[in-house]
Amino acid sequence: MSGIVFVVLDDVGSSEQPQRLVTDGIHWGPGSRFIVTSKDKQVLFAGGVHAIHEVKELSPKESLKLFSLNGFQKSHPEKGGEELSKRAVGYATGLPLALKAVGSSLCSRDRGIWESTLRKLERYPDPQIQDVLKTSYDGLDDVLRDLFLDIAFFYKGEDKDHVIRLLDASNLFAAYGIEGLLDRALISISNDKVIQMHDLIQEMGWEIVRQECKENPRKCSRLKDFEEVYDVLKNNKGIKGIVLYASLFKDVQLNVDTFKNMTNLRVVKFYSPWHVRSYNKHHLTSFESFSDESGSLEWNGYPYKSLPLNFYPEKLV
């Protein structure tokens, strides 16, 4: 077979698919071109693709135009809808899929529906967007899934090398995992080596965990919502990681029994303003029952000069 052809392979999941295009017995004419899209960069490398182009997020101007085309059937917002349009564009943060989905859902709706829909999206993600984004997560192995959720909850915006040390302490094969998430564009690394994740992809991670236990938040593997963390701490339930704002827990005594049953607890983050530092002294009276699985403890405004002598879990970084 010969001749000039233009071939597009969309959403390729295996390196064998592009490789078959150049196997013996097939002769493409000079000037033939092939475009291959994939969620996994490694598939493209292994498939022999000559040049890789990573699709970037849309600029604010491009985002507003795409949103308007779907929301108003024109290239700019209607008069009076500018501010709500900017909120919608801010939610989508340059992701074409989200801009089209949100714009279409708001098309021909009145201002009250727009307000209500945007408030809802700020708390509960759009199922259509989530379903598409989740296909990348569904293709991960168990190690990559665990690592992805940890980054979504605890490590977005943190130094890559620091995060690798923390994750390796929990036997999560961090270097392999971070490279795998980079190949699938689920995270990125900035020039100053900070782990970054698109807001909607992070939101997808939160929603995956919420769906695990939406009828009973106490069974969630990770928590960040204030009310859910509050409930779990009062009832001493076991989870893998928590993020909490210590200054909000005015009537919760974080003592030796608080973490007694949290045998899988790997990550603890206490956020507390510097000015309430002295207030926290009686809020955590002992570390004795922290699990040996504890790999990371972060406490802003810790009120003492050092950790207690009895607190040295084997895996603590």
Protein backbone atom coordinates (compact mmCIF):
# COMPACT_ATOMS: atom_id res chain seq x y z
CA MET A 1 0.00 0.00 0.00
CA SER A 2 1.35 3.45 -0.89
CA GLY A 3 0.22 7.02 -1.41
CA ILE A 4 -0.04 10.23 0.58
CA VAL A 5 -2.33 9.88 3.57
CA PHE A 6 -3.39 11.89 6.61
CA VAL A 7 -4.23 9.65 9.59
CA VAL A 8 -5.54 10.63 13.05
CA LEU A 9 -5.51 8.13 15.93
CA ASP A 10 -7.47 9.57 18.84
CA ASP A 11 -7.16 8.59 22.53
CA VAL A 12 -4.58 5.84 21.98
CA GLY A 13 -3.99 3.65 25.04
CA SER A 14 -1.29 1.29 23.76
CA SER A 15 2.04 1.88 22.02
CA GLU A 16 1.25 -1.02 19.67
CA GLN A 17 -1.38 1.01 17.82
CA PRO A 18 0.97 3.69 16.39
CA GLN A 19 3.68 1.07 15.87
CA ARG A 20 1.43 -0.88 13.50
CA LEU A 21 1.36 2.11 11.15
CA VAL A 22 5.06 1.65 10.37
CA THR A 23 5.31 -2.14 10.26
CA ASP A 24 6.80 -3.98 7.31
CA GLY A 25 4.52 -4.36 4.35
CA ILE A 26 2.94 -0.90 4.60
CA HIS A 27 4.53 1.84 2.50
CA TRP A 28 3.18 5.34 2.93
CA GLY A 29 3.92 7.92 0.30
CA PRO A 30 6.22 10.91 0.91
CA GLY A 31 4.41 13.71 2.72
CA SER A 32 2.09 11.41 4.67
CA ARG A 33 1.25 12.66 8.16
CA PHE A 34 0.02 10.96 11.32
CA ILE A 35 -1.46 12.61 14.39
CA VAL A 36 -1.81 10.53 17.55
CA THR A 37 -3.52 11.70 20.74
CA SER A 38 -3.16 9.96 24.08
CA LYS A 39 -3.63 10.55 27.79
CA ASP A 40 -0.25 8.89 28.43
CA LYS A 41 2.95 10.49 27.13
CA GLN A 42 4.87 7.23 27.56
CA VAL A 43 2.55 5.56 25.01
CA LEU A 44 3.67 8.14 22.46
CA PHE A 45 7.37 7.70 23.26
CA ALA A 46 7.17 3.91 23.06
CA GLY A 47 5.04 4.11 19.92
CA GLY A 48 7.79 5.90 18.00
CA VAL A 49 6.10 9.30 17.68
CA HIS A 50 8.60 11.81 16.33
CA ALA A 51 7.38 14.98 18.06
CA ILE A 52 5.08 15.50 21.04
CA HIS A 53 2.95 18.57 21.59
CA GLU A 54 1.32 19.07 24.98
CA VAL A 55 -2.03 20.83 24.79
CA LYS A 56 -2.02 23.84 27.11
CA GLU A 57 -4.84 25.46 29.03
CA LEU A 58 -6.68 28.25 27.24
CA SER A 59 -5.84 31.84 28.08
CA PRO A 60 -8.47 33.94 29.93
CA LYS A 61 -9.40 35.65 26.65
CA GLU A 62 -9.73 32.36 24.77
CA SER A 63 -11.64 30.83 27.71
CA LEU A 64 -14.19 33.64 27.77
CA LYS A 65 -14.72 33.31 24.00
CA LEU A 66 -15.26 29.54 24.13
CA PHE A 67 -17.57 29.85 27.13
CA SER A 68 -19.59 32.59 25.41
CA LEU A 69 -19.97 30.54 22.24
CA ASN A 70 -21.61 27.81 24.30
CA GLY A 71 -23.44 30.01 26.81
CA PHE A 72 -24.63 32.88 24.59
CA GLN A 73 -24.17 31.52 21.07
CA LYS A 74 -21.83 34.42 20.37
CA SER A 75 -18.15 35.18 20.90
CA HIS A 76 -18.67 37.49 23.90
CA PRO A 77 -20.97 37.63 26.96
CA GLU A 78 -24.32 39.35 26.75
CA LYS A 79 -24.67 42.70 28.46
CA GLY A 80 -25.22 42.21 32.17
CA GLY A 81 -23.69 38.75 32.13
CA GLU A 82 -20.05 39.76 32.22
CA GLU A 83 -19.38 39.16 35.93
CA LEU A 84 -21.15 35.80 36.05
CA SER A 85 -19.29 34.76 32.91
CA LYS A 86 -15.97 35.62 34.57
CA ARG A 87 -16.94 33.46 37.56
CA ALA A 88 -17.76 30.56 35.26
CA VAL A 89 -14.50 30.99 33.37
CA GLY A 90 -12.64 31.13 36.68
CA TYR A 91 -14.20 27.81 37.69
CA ALA A 92 -13.14 26.13 34.42
CA THR A 93 -9.58 27.53 34.67
CA GLY A 94 -8.75 27.16 31.00
CA LEU A 95 -10.06 23.61 30.48
CA PRO A 96 -12.02 23.48 27.17
CA LEU A 97 -14.15 20.54 28.31
CA ALA A 98 -15.30 22.44 31.40
CA LEU A 99 -15.89 25.69 29.51
CA LYS A 100 -18.11 23.93 26.97
CA ALA A 101 -19.99 21.89 29.58
CA VAL A 102 -20.70 24.81 31.91
CA GLY A 103 -21.54 27.16 29.04
CA SER A 104 -24.00 24.68 27.53
CA SER A 105 -25.67 24.02 30.89
CA LEU A 106 -26.26 27.75 31.41
CA CYS A 107 -27.41 28.57 27.88
CA SER A 108 -30.77 30.42 27.85
CA ARG A 109 -31.02 30.34 31.67
CA ASP A 110 -31.91 33.39 33.72
CA ARG A 111 -29.55 35.15 36.13
CA GLY A 112 -30.97 33.36 39.18
CA ILE A 113 -30.19 29.93 37.68
CA TRP A 114 -26.69 31.10 36.81
CA GLU A 115 -26.03 32.19 40.40
CA SER A 116 -27.38 28.96 41.83
CA THR A 117 -25.52 26.76 39.35
CA LEU A 118 -22.19 28.45 39.96
CA ARG A 119 -22.61 28.15 43.75
CA LYS A 120 -23.41 24.46 43.30
CA LEU A 121 -20.33 23.91 41.11
CA GLU A 122 -18.11 25.50 43.73
CA ARG A 123 -19.12 22.73 46.14
CA TYR A 124 -20.17 19.80 43.94
CA PRO A 125 -18.41 19.25 40.58
CA ASP A 126 -20.23 18.83 37.30
CA PRO A 127 -20.79 15.07 36.66
CA GLN A 128 -20.16 15.39 32.92
CA ILE A 129 -16.75 16.98 33.49
CA GLN A 130 -15.88 14.53 36.25
CA ASP A 131 -16.76 11.49 34.14
CA VAL A 132 -14.37 12.55 31.37
CA LEU A 133 -11.53 13.54 33.71
CA LYS A 134 -11.94 10.34 35.72
CA THR A 135 -11.05 8.18 32.71
CA SER A 136 -7.39 9.11 33.31
CA TYR A 137 -7.67 8.11 36.98
CA ASP A 138 -9.41 4.83 36.11
CA GLY A 139 -6.43 3.82 33.96
CA LEU A 140 -3.98 4.09 36.87
CA ASP A 141 -2.68 1.15 38.88
CA ASP A 142 -3.30 1.01 42.64
CA VAL A 143 0.01 2.67 43.54
CA LEU A 144 -0.59 5.60 41.18
CA ARG A 145 -4.17 6.02 42.41
CA ASP A 146 -3.03 6.23 46.02
CA LEU A 147 -0.30 8.71 45.12
CA PHE A 148 -2.67 10.82 43.02
CA LEU A 149 -5.16 11.12 45.88
CA ASP A 150 -2.40 12.02 48.36
CA ILE A 151 -1.22 14.84 46.09
CA ALA A 152 -4.78 16.06 45.49
CA PHE A 153 -5.42 16.26 49.24
CA PHE A 154 -2.07 17.09 50.80
CA TYR A 155 0.81 17.90 48.46
CA LYS A 156 -0.34 20.23 45.69
CA GLY A 157 1.90 23.31 45.76
CA GLU A 158 4.73 21.61 47.64
CA ASP A 159 8.37 20.96 46.68
CA LYS A 160 8.73 17.79 44.60
CA ASP A 161 11.84 16.45 46.36
CA HIS A 162 10.27 17.02 49.78
CA VAL A 163 7.11 15.18 48.70
CA ILE A 164 9.16 12.27 47.33
CA ARG A 165 10.85 11.86 50.73
CA LEU A 166 7.49 11.86 52.50
CA LEU A 167 5.87 9.40 50.11
CA ASP A 168 8.83 7.03 50.04
CA ALA A 169 8.53 6.78 53.82
CA SER A 170 5.08 5.29 53.22
CA ASN A 171 6.36 2.87 50.55
CA LEU A 172 4.48 4.63 47.74
CA PHE A 173 7.36 4.45 45.20
CA ALA A 174 7.25 8.21 44.77
CA ALA A 175 9.70 8.70 41.87
CA TYR A 176 7.87 6.09 39.79
CA GLY A 177 4.50 7.50 40.79
CA ILE A 178 5.24 11.15 40.10
CA GLU A 179 6.70 10.29 36.69
CA GLY A 180 3.59 8.23 35.90
CA LEU A 181 1.26 11.08 36.86
CA LEU A 182 3.35 13.51 34.80
CA ASP A 183 3.11 11.22 31.75
CA ARG A 184 -0.68 11.26 32.10
CA ALA A 185 -0.81 15.05 32.60
CA LEU A 186 -2.53 14.63 35.97
CA ILE A 187 0.17 16.80 37.57
CA SER A 188 2.90 19.13 36.39
CA ILE A 189 6.15 20.38 37.88
CA SER A 190 6.95 24.10 37.82
CA ASN A 191 10.39 25.52 37.01
CA ASP A 192 11.08 25.81 40.75
CA LYS A 193 10.20 22.11 41.24
CA VAL A 194 6.78 22.63 42.82
CA ILE A 195 4.06 20.03 42.21
CA GLN A 196 1.05 21.55 40.47
CA MET A 197 -2.37 20.14 39.63
CA HIS A 198 -5.26 21.66 37.70
CA ASP A 199 -8.03 22.79 40.05
CA LEU A 200 -10.64 20.58 38.38
CA ILE A 201 -8.36 17.54 38.47
CA GLN A 202 -7.76 18.16 42.18
CA GLU A 203 -11.51 18.52 42.64
CA MET A 204 -11.93 15.18 40.86
CA GLY A 205 -9.65 13.58 43.45
CA TRP A 206 -11.69 15.05 46.29
CA GLU A 207 -14.89 13.79 44.66
CA ILE A 208 -13.50 10.26 44.18
CA VAL A 209 -12.88 9.99 47.91
CA ARG A 210 -16.21 11.60 48.77
CA GLN A 211 -18.03 9.06 46.62
CA GLU A 212 -16.31 6.25 48.54
CA CYS A 213 -18.22 7.18 51.63
CA LYS A 214 -20.82 9.85 50.84
CA GLU A 215 -23.33 8.21 53.18
CA ASN A 216 -20.79 7.98 56.00
CA PRO A 217 -17.83 10.43 55.86
CA ARG A 218 -16.21 8.62 58.79
CA LYS A 219 -15.22 5.84 56.38
CA CYS A 220 -13.35 8.16 54.01
CA SER A 221 -9.64 7.44 53.49
CA ARG A 222 -8.77 11.17 53.44
CA LEU A 223 -10.51 14.24 54.82
CA LYS A 224 -10.23 17.99 54.36
CA ASP A 225 -13.79 19.28 54.89
CA PHE A 226 -14.04 21.00 58.29
CA GLU A 227 -17.33 19.42 59.37
CA GLU A 228 -16.23 15.92 58.38
CA VAL A 229 -12.85 16.23 60.10
CA TYR A 230 -14.59 17.59 63.19
CA ASP A 231 -16.94 14.60 63.30
CA VAL A 232 -14.13 12.07 62.79
CA LEU A 233 -11.94 13.55 65.51
CA LYS A 234 -14.77 13.58 68.01
CA ASN A 235 -15.56 9.95 67.24
CA ASN A 236 -11.97 8.68 66.95
CA LYS A 237 -12.24 6.96 63.57
CA GLY A 238 -9.30 5.71 61.50
CA ILE A 239 -8.23 7.25 58.18
CA LYS A 240 -5.05 7.69 56.09
CA GLY A 241 -4.71 11.46 56.24
CA ILE A 242 -6.34 14.63 57.50
CA VAL A 243 -6.01 18.36 56.91
CA LEU A 244 -7.44 20.52 59.68
CA TYR A 245 -7.44 24.10 60.86
CA ALA A 246 -6.61 23.81 64.53
CA SER A 247 -7.99 27.22 65.48
CA LEU A 248 -11.50 26.11 64.45
CA PHE A 249 -11.60 23.16 66.84
CA LYS A 250 -12.30 25.14 69.98
CA ASP A 251 -14.11 22.36 71.82
CA VAL A 252 -12.23 19.33 70.48
CA GLN A 253 -9.47 18.08 72.78
CA LEU A 254 -6.74 16.52 70.64
CA ASN A 255 -5.29 14.20 73.24
CA VAL A 256 -3.83 10.73 73.48
CA ASP A 257 -7.15 9.08 72.62
CA THR A 258 -7.97 11.25 69.61
CA PHE A 259 -5.77 9.27 67.24
CA LYS A 260 -5.97 5.97 69.08
CA ASN A 261 -7.79 4.05 66.36
CA MET A 262 -6.13 5.74 63.40
CA THR A 263 -3.75 2.87 62.67
CA ASN A 264 -3.45 3.81 58.98
CA LEU A 265 -2.82 7.52 59.54
CA ARG A 266 0.08 8.58 57.32
CA VAL A 267 -0.39 12.33 56.85
CA VAL A 268 -1.42 14.96 59.41
CA LYS A 269 -1.53 18.68 58.62
CA PHE A 270 -2.44 21.23 61.28
CA TYR A 271 -2.96 24.75 60.00
CA SER A 272 -3.01 27.43 62.66
CA PRO A 273 -2.27 31.18 62.54
CA TRP A 274 0.84 32.25 64.44
CA HIS A 275 -1.16 34.45 66.81
CA VAL A 276 -3.05 31.44 68.25
CA ARG A 277 0.11 29.48 68.88
CA SER A 278 -0.13 29.47 72.70
CA TYR A 279 -3.80 28.46 72.53
CA ASN A 280 -2.86 25.08 71.06
CA LYS A 281 -0.77 23.87 74.00
CA HIS A 282 -3.60 22.02 75.65
CA HIS A 283 -5.11 20.79 72.39
CA LEU A 284 -2.69 17.93 71.83
CA THR A 285 -1.41 16.64 75.14
CA SER A 286 0.28 13.47 73.90
CA PHE A 287 1.54 11.85 70.72
CA GLU A 288 1.82 8.36 72.21
CA SER A 289 -0.85 6.70 70.11
CA PHE A 290 0.19 8.00 66.70
CA SER A 291 0.66 5.08 64.33
CA ASP A 292 4.09 3.89 63.26
CA GLU A 293 2.74 4.45 59.73
CA SER A 294 2.87 8.22 60.33
CA GLY A 295 5.19 9.60 57.65
CA SER A 296 4.37 13.30 57.68
CA LEU A 297 3.37 15.71 60.43
CA GLU A 298 3.01 19.38 59.56
CA TRP A 299 1.94 21.81 62.28
CA ASN A 300 1.98 25.54 61.66
CA GLY A 301 2.53 27.45 64.90
CA TYR A 302 3.60 24.39 66.92
CA PRO A 303 3.78 25.71 70.52
CA TYR A 304 6.83 23.76 71.76
CA LYS A 305 10.52 23.78 70.88
CA SER A 306 10.71 20.10 69.92
CA LEU A 307 8.60 16.98 69.49
CA PRO A 308 7.96 14.86 72.60
CA LEU A 309 10.54 12.15 73.25
CA ASN A 310 7.83 9.52 72.96
CA PHE A 311 6.93 10.56 69.40
CA TYR A 312 9.24 9.01 66.86
CA PRO A 313 7.26 6.80 64.50
CA GLU A 314 9.52 4.57 62.42
CA LYS A 315 8.49 6.13 59.10
CA LEU A 316 8.35 9.78 60.15
CA VAL A 317 10.26 12.02 57.75
